[in-house]
Structure formats: structure tokens, C-alpha cells
Amino acid sequence: MPRVLHVQASPRGWGSFSTRAAQAFLEAYRRKHPGTGVDLLDLFAADLPEFNAPQAAAKYAVLSGQEPADDAARAWKRIIEITEHFKSADMYVLSCPMWNFAIPYRLKQYIDIIVQPGLTFSYSPQEGYKGLVTGKPAVLILARGGEYGPGNPSQTFDFQGTYLEAVLGFIGFTDIRPVIVEPTLAGGPDAAEKALQRAIQAAKALADSL
């Protein structure tokens, strides 16, 4: 059965604009593809390991062509488990608010766990860096309090969508579809509701096209 991994990066529950737009996408997608399973990874409820000295030692060992040992080996085993869970999906929906022009810290922690040599990317002097997660689409549902679109003076402060597209591209994604909810704060409640409804319609249309 095809499986979608929904990585939810907001702690606000149904109060989250990105979560609500993502649900609209998933409902529309499952209507078109009724056999699809959805696996929710709520990052603010998930048991994610810290990326501390043992994890860093394991990563550098792998980058050096060595096997992690002792504490590093135990830490690396958990990294592999989480990364393999990520890689096992057929499609990805990542719903994410903008925090301080970038992404919530729990999403950054998750990215730091799964972007690993030999698991999601490789390196060789001949090929350089090469992404290993290929042939799978990713849908980004991004909510922002202000407006950061093309031509807007605030566009240079967008380290949310630009970062996510860059890091997903690094590990192999080439089919990345963003849906933007903005502004959710700057224009007041009425503007936020209109922005949400526009994003929901865009999300449904995207689901119908996939």
C-alpha cells in the first residue's frame, strides 16, 4: 500500500494554519488514491534523540569510511532507525510554520538526524555529493505571519521555504511542490482566514494533479 509521511512541525494542533492546509491536501489526495496510508510524524510529540557528541562522532566516523564504535555505535543505530522510517515513505507532506524567518527547532533537529552520509546522501571525489532519496514527491505546506513572495521587500528574509527546498534537494528530491499560507498575522484575522482558504484550494488542486 502506498504510504505518505506527514511531517508536522507545528505544536499548535488545529490552531496551526499549516496543519489545517496539510489536512485539506491529505483528504483530497486520499479521495483520489483511496488505498493510500498516511503516517503522521508530529515532531513536537516525537521521541527524537539529541544530536550530541556520540552522534557527531558516529557521523564523522562514517564520513571517514570507518564504523562507529561504543557510544557512537549505539547512537548511530537510533539515527539509522529514524532515517530508515523517513526513507520508507512513497511521498512526503511537510507542514511547517515560519519561526523567526526560518523553521521550528524541532524540524531542524529532525533534519539534523536524517541528513546523514550513507543514509540520505553519499560523497565521492568523482561524483561529489549525491542525494540518495530519489523519485519521490514532497509537498511543502508553509505558513507565514507576513508576506514573503516574489517581489516583496521581505522576500530576502525567507529562510523557511528556501532552506527546506535546498536541504531536500541535497538529499535527492527533485519534485518539490510548495503551498503557501500568508499572511496569517500581518493582515489581521480576516486576511488570515482568506489566506488559509486560498491555500486550501491550492492544496486540493495540487492533490488532484498528483
Protein backbone atom coordinates (compact mmCIF):
# COMPACT_ATOMS: atom_id res chain seq x y z
CA MET A 1 0.00 0.00 0.00
CA PRO A 2 1.46 3.43 -0.92
CA ARG A 3 2.34 5.49 2.14
CA VAL A 4 2.53 9.21 2.70
CA LEU A 5 4.64 10.53 5.57
CA HIS A 6 3.17 13.72 7.03
CA VAL A 7 5.88 15.52 8.98
CA GLN A 8 4.01 18.01 11.17
CA ALA A 9 6.23 20.77 12.52
CA SER A 10 3.77 22.92 14.47
CA PRO A 11 2.88 22.47 18.15
CA ARG A 12 -0.43 24.36 17.79
CA GLY A 13 -2.73 21.50 16.82
CA TRP A 14 -5.79 22.59 14.84
CA GLY A 15 -4.85 26.21 15.53
CA SER A 16 -1.99 25.80 13.06
CA PHE A 17 -2.61 27.16 9.57
CA SER A 18 -0.03 24.82 8.06
CA THR A 19 -1.60 21.78 9.74
CA ARG A 20 -5.10 22.68 8.53
CA ALA A 21 -3.95 23.21 4.93
CA ALA A 22 -1.99 19.94 5.07
CA GLN A 23 -5.09 18.07 6.23
CA ALA A 24 -7.04 19.50 3.29
CA PHE A 25 -4.34 18.23 0.94
CA LEU A 26 -4.26 14.78 2.51
CA GLU A 27 -8.04 14.38 2.49
CA ALA A 28 -8.20 15.34 -1.20
CA TYR A 29 -5.26 13.08 -2.04
CA ARG A 30 -6.79 10.08 -0.29
CA ARG A 31 -10.09 10.61 -2.07
CA LYS A 32 -8.24 10.30 -5.36
CA HIS A 33 -5.97 7.49 -4.11
CA PRO A 34 -8.15 5.60 -1.59
CA GLY A 35 -5.57 2.90 -0.95
CA THR A 36 -3.02 5.34 0.40
CA GLY A 37 -1.91 5.20 4.02
CA VAL A 38 -0.87 8.31 5.94
CA ASP A 39 1.75 8.13 8.67
CA LEU A 40 1.76 11.22 10.91
CA LEU A 41 5.04 12.24 12.49
CA ASP A 42 4.23 15.00 14.99
CA LEU A 43 7.67 16.42 15.71
CA PHE A 44 6.59 18.12 18.94
CA ALA A 45 5.36 14.77 20.30
CA ALA A 46 8.02 12.51 18.78
CA ASP A 47 10.86 10.97 20.78
CA LEU A 48 13.79 12.44 18.87
CA PRO A 49 17.35 11.96 20.15
CA GLU A 50 19.58 14.93 20.73
CA PHE A 51 22.42 15.28 18.25
CA ASN A 52 25.30 15.40 20.72
CA ALA A 53 28.89 14.15 20.89
CA PRO A 54 28.18 10.42 20.26
CA GLN A 55 26.02 11.20 17.22
CA ALA A 56 28.61 13.62 15.86
CA ALA A 57 31.39 11.07 16.43
CA ALA A 58 29.39 8.46 14.53
CA LYS A 59 28.79 10.82 11.62
CA TYR A 60 32.47 11.72 11.34
CA ALA A 61 33.44 8.05 11.55
CA VAL A 62 31.13 7.22 8.64
CA LEU A 63 32.41 10.20 6.64
CA SER A 64 35.93 8.84 7.20
CA GLY A 65 34.97 5.37 5.97
CA GLN A 66 35.03 3.83 9.46
CA GLU A 67 32.50 2.03 11.62
CA PRO A 68 31.19 3.90 14.69
CA ALA A 69 32.18 2.24 17.96
CA ASP A 70 30.93 2.12 21.57
CA ASP A 71 28.62 5.07 22.44
CA ALA A 72 28.83 6.34 18.87
CA ALA A 73 27.66 2.98 17.50
CA ARG A 74 24.68 2.92 19.84
CA ALA A 75 23.76 6.47 18.90
CA TRP A 76 24.16 5.70 15.19
CA LYS A 77 21.76 2.74 15.46
CA ARG A 78 18.96 5.08 16.55
CA ILE A 79 19.86 7.54 13.77
CA ILE A 80 19.55 4.70 11.25
CA GLU A 81 16.13 3.67 12.61
CA ILE A 82 14.69 7.17 12.29
CA THR A 83 16.21 7.74 8.86
CA GLU A 84 15.00 4.39 7.52
CA HIS A 85 11.50 5.24 8.71
CA PHE A 86 11.74 8.52 6.77
CA LYS A 87 13.05 6.81 3.64
CA SER A 88 10.36 4.12 3.68
CA ALA A 89 7.60 6.55 2.60
CA ASP A 90 6.46 6.92 -1.01
CA MET A 91 5.51 10.60 -0.72
CA TYR A 92 6.06 13.37 1.81
CA VAL A 93 3.92 16.19 3.17
CA LEU A 94 5.80 18.61 5.39
CA SER A 95 3.63 21.21 7.16
CA CYS A 96 5.62 23.97 8.77
CA PRO A 97 5.15 27.47 10.18
CA MET A 98 7.77 30.17 9.84
CA TRP A 99 9.50 30.91 13.13
CA ASN A 100 11.83 33.91 13.19
CA PHE A 101 12.13 33.80 9.38
CA ALA A 102 13.14 30.12 9.43
CA ILE A 103 11.81 26.77 10.70
CA PRO A 104 10.86 25.46 14.18
CA TYR A 105 13.75 24.00 16.14
CA ARG A 106 12.17 20.53 16.27
CA LEU A 107 12.12 20.35 12.48
CA LYS A 108 15.77 21.43 12.35
CA GLN A 109 16.56 18.71 14.90
CA TYR A 110 14.80 16.11 12.73
CA ILE A 111 16.66 17.28 9.63
CA ASP A 112 19.97 17.07 11.52
CA ILE A 113 19.10 13.46 12.40
CA ILE A 114 18.16 12.25 8.91
CA VAL A 115 20.66 14.10 6.70
CA GLN A 116 23.46 11.58 7.12
CA PRO A 117 26.27 10.09 4.99
CA GLY A 118 25.47 6.69 3.58
CA LEU A 119 21.81 7.03 4.53
CA THR A 120 20.39 10.04 2.67
CA PHE A 121 23.46 11.25 0.79
CA SER A 122 26.81 9.96 -0.41
CA TYR A 123 30.11 11.56 -1.29
CA SER A 124 32.94 10.56 -3.57
CA PRO A 125 35.76 12.60 -5.13
CA GLN A 126 34.47 11.56 -8.55
CA GLU A 127 30.78 12.45 -8.08
CA GLY A 128 30.87 14.87 -5.16
CA TYR A 129 27.72 14.86 -3.02
CA LYS A 130 24.82 12.76 -4.27
CA GLY A 131 21.31 12.55 -2.81
CA LEU A 132 20.02 9.06 -2.09
CA VAL A 133 16.29 9.78 -1.57
CA THR A 134 15.11 9.92 -5.17
CA GLY A 135 11.99 9.53 -7.26
CA LYS A 136 9.57 10.67 -4.55
CA PRO A 137 7.48 13.87 -4.44
CA ALA A 138 7.48 16.25 -1.48
CA VAL A 139 4.70 18.73 -0.72
CA LEU A 140 5.62 21.69 1.48
CA ILE A 141 2.73 23.39 3.29
CA LEU A 142 4.29 26.59 4.61
CA ALA A 143 2.58 29.20 6.80
CA ARG A 144 4.00 32.69 7.39
CA GLY A 145 2.76 35.57 9.53
CA GLY A 146 3.84 38.10 6.90
CA GLU A 147 4.22 38.05 3.13
CA TYR A 148 7.47 36.83 1.60
CA GLY A 149 6.55 36.12 -2.02
CA PRO A 150 8.46 37.17 -5.18
CA GLY A 151 8.84 40.91 -5.46
CA ASN A 152 8.01 41.53 -1.80
CA PRO A 153 10.70 43.51 0.11
CA SER A 154 10.58 40.82 2.81
CA GLN A 155 11.46 38.02 0.38
CA THR A 156 15.12 38.09 1.44
CA PHE A 157 14.03 37.12 4.97
CA ASP A 158 12.55 33.80 3.82
CA PHE A 159 14.86 31.19 5.32
CA GLN A 160 11.94 28.76 5.66
CA GLY A 161 10.98 27.67 2.15
CA THR A 162 14.41 28.34 0.67
CA TYR A 163 16.14 26.22 3.30
CA LEU A 164 13.70 23.33 3.08
CA GLU A 165 13.89 23.19 -0.71
CA ALA A 166 17.70 23.33 -0.54
CA VAL A 167 18.12 20.58 2.07
CA LEU A 168 15.55 18.30 0.40
CA GLY A 169 17.29 18.87 -2.92
CA PHE A 170 20.60 17.96 -1.30
CA ILE A 171 19.31 14.53 -0.27
CA GLY A 172 17.84 13.79 -3.69
CA PHE A 173 14.38 15.35 -4.04
CA THR A 174 13.66 16.90 -7.43
CA ASP A 175 9.83 17.09 -7.25
CA ILE A 176 9.07 19.64 -4.51
CA ARG A 177 5.64 21.34 -4.53
CA PRO A 178 5.10 24.31 -2.16
CA VAL A 179 1.72 25.58 -0.95
CA ILE A 180 1.96 28.89 0.92
CA VAL A 181 -0.38 30.29 3.59
CA GLU A 182 0.34 34.01 4.04
CA PRO A 183 -0.21 36.40 5.74
CA THR A 184 -1.55 34.73 8.88
CA LEU A 185 -0.81 37.68 11.22
CA ALA A 186 0.09 40.88 9.41
CA GLY A 187 -3.34 41.50 7.85
CA GLY A 188 -5.48 40.53 10.82
CA PRO A 189 -7.94 37.62 11.30
CA ASP A 190 -9.96 38.24 8.11
CA ALA A 191 -6.86 38.29 5.92
CA ALA A 192 -5.57 35.16 7.67
CA GLU A 193 -8.81 33.27 7.00
CA LYS A 194 -8.76 34.32 3.34
CA ALA A 195 -5.11 33.22 3.07
CA LEU A 196 -6.00 29.86 4.60
CA GLN A 197 -8.89 29.31 2.20
CA ARG A 198 -6.68 30.20 -0.79
CA ALA A 199 -4.07 27.72 0.41
CA ILE A 200 -6.67 25.01 0.98
CA GLN A 201 -7.95 25.42 -2.57
CA ALA A 202 -4.38 25.32 -3.89
CA ALA A 203 -3.66 22.23 -1.79
CA LYS A 204 -6.76 20.44 -3.10
CA ALA A 205 -5.89 21.32 -6.69
CA LEU A 206 -2.36 20.02 -6.16
CA ALA A 207 -3.70 16.78 -4.67
CA ASP A 208 -5.91 16.27 -7.71
CA SER A 209 -2.91 16.73 -10.02
CA LEU A 210 -0.69 14.11 -8.35
